[in-house]
N, C-alpha and C. Protein backbone atom coordinates (compact mmCIF):
# COMPACT_ATOMS: atom_id res chain seq x y z
N MET A 1 0.83 -1.33 0.10
CA MET A 1 -0.11 -0.27 0.49
C MET A 1 0.82 0.89 -0.04
N ARG A 2 1.60 1.25 0.65
CA ARG A 2 2.96 2.47 0.80
C ARG A 2 3.63 2.18 -0.57
N ILE A 3 3.93 1.86 -1.01
CA ILE A 3 4.95 1.55 -2.24
C ILE A 3 3.68 2.37 -3.27
N THR A 4 2.70 2.34 -3.80
CA THR A 4 1.81 2.62 -4.18
C THR A 4 1.46 4.02 -3.74
N SER A 5 1.33 4.44 -2.41
CA SER A 5 1.54 5.95 -2.18
C SER A 5 2.67 6.63 -3.14
N LEU A 6 4.24 5.67 -2.94
CA LEU A 6 5.25 6.89 -3.44
C LEU A 6 5.18 6.40 -5.34
N LEU A 7 5.21 5.56 -5.47
CA LEU A 7 4.53 5.48 -6.91
C LEU A 7 3.64 7.02 -7.28
N ALA A 8 2.25 7.32 -6.53
CA ALA A 8 1.15 8.11 -6.68
C ALA A 8 1.72 9.30 -6.65
N PHE A 9 2.89 9.62 -5.47
CA PHE A 9 3.61 10.68 -5.29
C PHE A 9 4.63 11.54 -6.41
N ALA A 10 4.99 10.45 -6.48
CA ALA A 10 6.52 10.61 -7.50
C ALA A 10 5.96 10.74 -8.86
N ALA A 11 4.48 10.77 -9.22
CA ALA A 11 4.09 10.69 -10.67
C ALA A 11 3.40 11.96 -10.92
N THR A 12 3.70 13.00 -9.96
CA THR A 12 2.99 14.29 -10.17
C THR A 12 4.10 15.34 -10.89
N PRO A 13 3.44 15.92 -12.03
CA PRO A 13 3.92 16.61 -13.24
C PRO A 13 5.06 17.20 -12.20
N ASN A 14 6.36 17.62 -13.01
CA ASN A 14 7.46 17.50 -12.79
C ASN A 14 8.13 19.16 -13.58
N SER A 15 8.04 19.96 -13.44
CA SER A 15 8.48 21.54 -13.79
C SER A 15 8.50 22.59 -13.31
N VAL A 16 9.11 23.85 -13.70
CA VAL A 16 8.75 25.20 -13.21
C VAL A 16 8.98 25.91 -14.48
N ALA A 17 7.53 26.53 -14.68
CA ALA A 17 7.96 27.83 -15.60
C ALA A 17 7.37 29.14 -15.09
N GLY A 18 7.93 30.15 -15.82
CA GLY A 18 7.48 31.71 -16.17
C GLY A 18 8.41 32.07 -14.46
N SER A 19 9.64 31.53 -14.41
CA SER A 19 10.50 32.20 -13.07
C SER A 19 10.99 33.00 -14.14
N PRO A 20 11.13 34.74 -13.34
CA PRO A 20 12.05 35.38 -13.99
C PRO A 20 13.41 35.22 -13.86
N LYS A 21 14.23 35.33 -13.04
CA LYS A 21 15.39 34.86 -12.90
C LYS A 21 15.98 33.37 -12.19
N PRO A 22 15.52 32.38 -13.48
CA PRO A 22 15.83 31.13 -12.92
C PRO A 22 17.42 30.79 -12.84
N VAL A 23 17.93 30.16 -11.47
CA VAL A 23 19.13 29.88 -10.98
C VAL A 23 19.44 28.75 -12.28
N VAL A 24 18.63 27.43 -12.46
CA VAL A 24 18.97 26.69 -13.02
C VAL A 24 17.99 26.41 -14.30
N GLN A 25 18.38 26.36 -15.65
CA GLN A 25 17.14 26.27 -16.76
C GLN A 25 16.74 25.14 -16.59
N TYR A 26 15.41 24.80 -16.58
CA TYR A 26 14.18 24.21 -16.36
C TYR A 26 13.53 24.15 -18.07
N LYS A 27 13.30 22.51 -18.34
CA LYS A 27 12.62 22.30 -19.35
C LYS A 27 11.10 22.16 -19.35
N HIS A 28 10.43 23.04 -19.69
CA HIS A 28 9.31 22.44 -19.65
C HIS A 28 8.49 22.33 -21.48
N ILE A 29 7.40 22.12 -21.36
CA ILE A 29 6.24 21.97 -22.21
C ILE A 29 4.95 22.55 -22.11
N VAL A 30 4.57 23.41 -23.35
CA VAL A 30 3.44 23.97 -23.70
C VAL A 30 2.59 22.90 -23.90
N HIS A 31 1.40 23.11 -22.76
CA HIS A 31 0.46 21.54 -23.26
C HIS A 31 -0.58 22.54 -24.27
N GLU A 32 -0.75 24.06 -24.25
CA GLU A 32 -1.72 24.46 -24.71
C GLU A 32 -1.26 26.24 -25.03
N LYS A 33 -1.32 26.60 -26.29
CA LYS A 33 -1.57 27.83 -26.01
C LYS A 33 -2.20 28.49 -27.58
N TRP A 34 -3.04 29.75 -26.92
CA TRP A 34 -3.88 30.29 -27.36
C TRP A 34 -3.47 31.67 -27.97
N SER A 35 -3.47 31.81 -29.77
CA SER A 35 -3.06 33.62 -30.34
C SER A 35 -4.29 34.09 -30.60
N VAL A 36 -5.30 33.69 -30.23
CA VAL A 36 -6.47 34.70 -30.01
C VAL A 36 -7.33 34.35 -29.16
N VAL A 37 -8.00 35.22 -28.38
CA VAL A 37 -9.55 35.16 -27.38
C VAL A 37 -10.34 34.48 -28.45
N PRO A 38 -10.98 33.35 -27.43
CA PRO A 38 -11.90 32.57 -28.41
C PRO A 38 -13.15 33.33 -28.41
N ASP A 39 -14.00 32.95 -30.07
CA ASP A 39 -15.21 34.07 -29.77
C ASP A 39 -16.24 33.84 -29.01
N SER A 40 -16.02 32.51 -28.00
CA SER A 40 -17.35 32.77 -26.98
C SER A 40 -16.93 33.41 -25.83
N TRP A 41 -15.78 34.08 -25.88
CA TRP A 41 -15.40 34.52 -24.46
C TRP A 41 -15.71 36.20 -24.83
N ASN A 42 -16.22 36.43 -24.06
CA ASN A 42 -17.16 38.02 -23.59
C ASN A 42 -16.19 38.48 -23.06
N HIS A 43 -15.86 40.10 -23.12
CA HIS A 43 -15.58 40.79 -22.04
C HIS A 43 -16.30 41.70 -21.55
N LEU A 44 -16.93 41.30 -20.29
CA LEU A 44 -17.35 42.25 -19.52
C LEU A 44 -17.21 43.55 -18.73
N HIS A 45 -16.26 42.56 -17.79
CA HIS A 45 -15.87 44.18 -16.93
C HIS A 45 -14.10 43.66 -16.25
N ARG A 46 -13.96 44.74 -16.08
CA ARG A 46 -12.43 44.22 -15.17
C ARG A 46 -12.36 43.80 -14.18
N LEU A 47 -11.75 43.06 -13.70
CA LEU A 47 -12.16 42.34 -12.49
C LEU A 47 -11.80 43.62 -11.15
N ASP A 48 -11.97 43.46 -10.07
CA ASP A 48 -11.98 43.78 -9.00
C ASP A 48 -10.75 43.95 -8.56
N ARG A 49 -9.85 44.51 -8.03
CA ARG A 49 -8.52 44.46 -7.59
C ARG A 49 -8.06 43.34 -6.67
N ASP A 50 -9.53 43.28 -5.51
CA ASP A 50 -9.27 42.19 -4.91
C ASP A 50 -9.35 41.09 -4.91
N THR A 51 -9.58 41.01 -6.33
CA THR A 51 -10.36 39.46 -6.72
C THR A 51 -8.96 38.65 -6.98
N ASP A 52 -9.72 37.33 -6.22
CA ASP A 52 -8.13 36.54 -6.40
C ASP A 52 -8.34 35.15 -7.44
N LEU A 53 -7.23 35.11 -8.14
CA LEU A 53 -7.05 34.42 -9.58
C LEU A 53 -6.64 33.40 -9.01
N PRO A 54 -6.81 32.37 -8.93
CA PRO A 54 -5.92 31.29 -8.55
C PRO A 54 -5.49 29.94 -9.68
N ILE A 55 -4.14 30.07 -9.51
CA ILE A 55 -3.18 29.50 -10.55
C ILE A 55 -2.56 28.31 -9.78
N ARG A 56 -2.09 27.54 -10.60
CA ARG A 56 -1.27 26.25 -10.26
C ARG A 56 -0.16 25.93 -11.47
N LEU A 57 0.94 25.86 -10.18
CA LEU A 57 2.15 25.93 -10.87
C LEU A 57 2.61 24.31 -10.34
N ALA A 58 3.68 23.80 -11.60
CA ALA A 58 4.09 22.40 -11.37
C ALA A 58 5.50 22.71 -11.13
N ILE A 59 6.13 22.18 -9.80
CA ILE A 59 6.99 22.54 -9.32
C ILE A 59 8.07 21.28 -9.61
N ALA A 60 9.76 21.12 -10.15
CA ALA A 60 10.07 20.15 -10.26
C ALA A 60 10.05 19.55 -8.56
N GLN A 61 10.61 18.38 -8.75
CA GLN A 61 10.65 17.79 -7.48
C GLN A 61 12.06 17.21 -6.99
N SER A 62 12.91 16.27 -5.93
CA SER A 62 14.20 16.50 -6.12
C SER A 62 14.16 14.81 -5.71
N ASN A 63 15.00 14.26 -6.12
CA ASN A 63 15.53 12.73 -6.19
C ASN A 63 14.85 11.80 -6.97
N LEU A 64 13.93 12.53 -7.90
CA LEU A 64 12.97 11.54 -9.00
C LEU A 64 13.86 10.39 -9.63
N TYR A 65 15.02 10.80 -9.93
CA TYR A 65 15.92 9.88 -10.64
C TYR A 65 16.46 8.57 -9.79
N ASN A 66 16.23 8.71 -8.66
CA ASN A 66 16.46 7.58 -7.38
C ASN A 66 14.96 6.91 -7.15
N MET A 67 14.28 7.12 -7.38
CA MET A 67 12.30 6.63 -7.07
C MET A 67 12.91 4.73 -7.44
N GLU A 68 13.00 4.47 -8.72
CA GLU A 68 13.67 3.49 -9.05
C GLU A 68 13.98 2.62 -7.87
N GLU A 69 15.68 3.34 -7.67
CA GLU A 69 16.07 2.10 -6.43
C GLU A 69 15.99 2.19 -5.11
N TYR A 70 14.76 3.54 -4.92
CA TYR A 70 14.14 3.47 -3.56
C TYR A 70 13.18 2.63 -3.52
N LEU A 71 12.69 2.34 -4.41
CA LEU A 71 11.39 1.46 -4.72
C LEU A 71 11.78 0.07 -4.67
N MET A 72 13.02 -0.47 -5.36
CA MET A 72 13.48 -1.84 -5.70
C MET A 72 13.89 -2.12 -4.46
N SER A 73 14.42 -1.18 -3.44
CA SER A 73 15.22 -1.39 -2.19
C SER A 73 14.27 -1.65 -1.24
N VAL A 74 13.01 -1.48 -1.18
CA VAL A 74 11.70 -2.12 -0.14
C VAL A 74 11.25 -3.06 -0.56
N SER A 75 11.14 -3.39 -2.10
CA SER A 75 10.46 -4.39 -2.81
C SER A 75 11.29 -5.84 -2.82
N ASP A 76 12.14 -5.95 -3.15
CA ASP A 76 13.43 -7.14 -2.80
C ASP A 76 13.93 -7.44 -1.71
N SER A 77 13.17 -9.18 -1.62
CA SER A 77 13.06 -9.55 -0.56
C SER A 77 14.68 -10.04 -0.12
N ALA A 78 15.83 -9.82 -0.88
CA ALA A 78 16.88 -9.42 -0.53
C ALA A 78 17.83 -8.25 -0.16
N SER A 79 17.07 -7.65 0.14
CA SER A 79 17.59 -6.43 0.36
C SER A 79 17.28 -5.89 2.09
N PRO A 80 18.52 -5.31 2.34
CA PRO A 80 18.35 -5.11 3.80
C PRO A 80 17.07 -4.24 4.49
N ASN A 81 16.53 -3.59 3.35
CA ASN A 81 15.37 -2.60 3.32
C ASN A 81 14.31 -3.10 2.95
N TRP A 82 14.33 -4.70 2.62
CA TRP A 82 13.07 -5.59 2.57
C TRP A 82 11.65 -5.51 3.21
N ASN A 83 10.51 -4.87 2.76
CA ASN A 83 9.54 -4.88 3.74
C ASN A 83 9.17 -3.29 4.47
N GLU A 84 10.72 -2.28 4.33
CA GLU A 84 10.55 -1.04 5.30
C GLU A 84 9.96 -0.09 4.58
N HIS A 85 8.45 0.02 4.53
CA HIS A 85 8.14 1.17 3.87
C HIS A 85 7.97 2.35 4.07
N TRP A 86 8.00 2.83 3.42
CA TRP A 86 7.83 4.94 4.17
C TRP A 86 6.85 5.23 4.10
N SER A 87 7.22 5.99 5.06
CA SER A 87 5.74 6.94 5.78
C SER A 87 5.35 7.99 4.75
N SER A 88 4.49 8.85 4.87
CA SER A 88 4.21 9.85 3.93
C SER A 88 4.65 10.69 4.31
N LYS A 89 5.38 11.04 5.32
CA LYS A 89 6.40 12.00 5.43
C LYS A 89 7.85 12.05 5.27
N GLN A 90 8.04 10.74 4.64
CA GLN A 90 9.30 10.26 4.45
C GLN A 90 9.29 10.58 2.77
N ILE A 91 8.07 10.15 2.27
CA ILE A 91 8.13 10.14 0.83
C ILE A 91 8.31 12.00 0.63
N ALA A 92 7.33 12.57 1.57
CA ALA A 92 7.46 14.27 1.24
C ALA A 92 8.63 14.66 1.42
N GLU A 93 9.12 14.18 2.34
CA GLU A 93 10.94 15.19 2.90
C GLU A 93 11.47 14.36 1.65
N THR A 94 12.07 13.17 0.74
CA THR A 94 12.60 12.86 -0.08
C THR A 94 12.54 13.66 -1.74
N PHE A 95 11.11 13.62 -1.91
CA PHE A 95 10.50 14.31 -3.38
C PHE A 95 10.41 15.48 -2.77
N ALA A 96 10.64 16.45 -2.25
CA ALA A 96 9.99 17.87 -1.82
C ALA A 96 11.23 18.47 -2.79
N PRO A 97 10.54 19.93 -3.41
CA PRO A 97 11.17 20.60 -4.26
C PRO A 97 12.56 21.34 -3.38
N SER A 98 13.74 21.79 -4.42
CA SER A 98 14.78 22.05 -3.34
C SER A 98 14.47 23.58 -3.05
N ASP A 99 15.22 24.29 -2.12
CA ASP A 99 14.93 25.30 -1.85
C ASP A 99 15.48 26.20 -2.89
N GLU A 100 16.29 26.03 -3.88
CA GLU A 100 16.31 26.46 -4.59
C GLU A 100 15.08 27.15 -5.70
N THR A 101 14.48 25.94 -6.30
CA THR A 101 13.35 25.71 -6.91
C THR A 101 12.23 26.88 -6.43
N MET A 102 12.12 26.54 -5.02
CA MET A 102 10.89 26.86 -4.40
C MET A 102 11.57 28.87 -4.35
N GLU A 103 12.44 28.90 -4.08
CA GLU A 103 13.17 30.48 -4.25
C GLU A 103 12.87 31.29 -5.51
N ALA A 104 13.00 30.40 -6.64
CA ALA A 104 12.74 30.78 -7.96
C ALA A 104 11.17 31.06 -8.10
N VAL A 105 10.32 30.08 -7.52
CA VAL A 105 9.27 30.16 -7.53
C VAL A 105 8.60 31.64 -7.14
N ARG A 106 8.61 31.69 -6.10
CA ARG A 106 8.60 32.75 -5.07
C ARG A 106 9.05 34.34 -5.76
N ALA A 107 10.39 34.45 -6.03
CA ALA A 107 10.77 35.25 -6.88
C ALA A 107 9.92 35.73 -8.06
């Protein structure tokens, strides 16, 4: 069950886009881009300055290149880590974005 959690957590999108001064060059994929406003959209009025506009960012995670090694370590009966499943906290800490990534997003 916990191995499934590891896979589900690690399968989240991994990129940083839109950082004004990136410390590291990140590769990103444009999934959709519109060059014109769709005809079905209507300009009604300008949003109030206090309106919250929710956005979502996909942030690069750390240690994803080690995920298979971690997973096999607890899955292989010959491993000293056999059946030593990770807690949700350990998964979150292991794959958390780096401090540099978070600073780039905040900037």
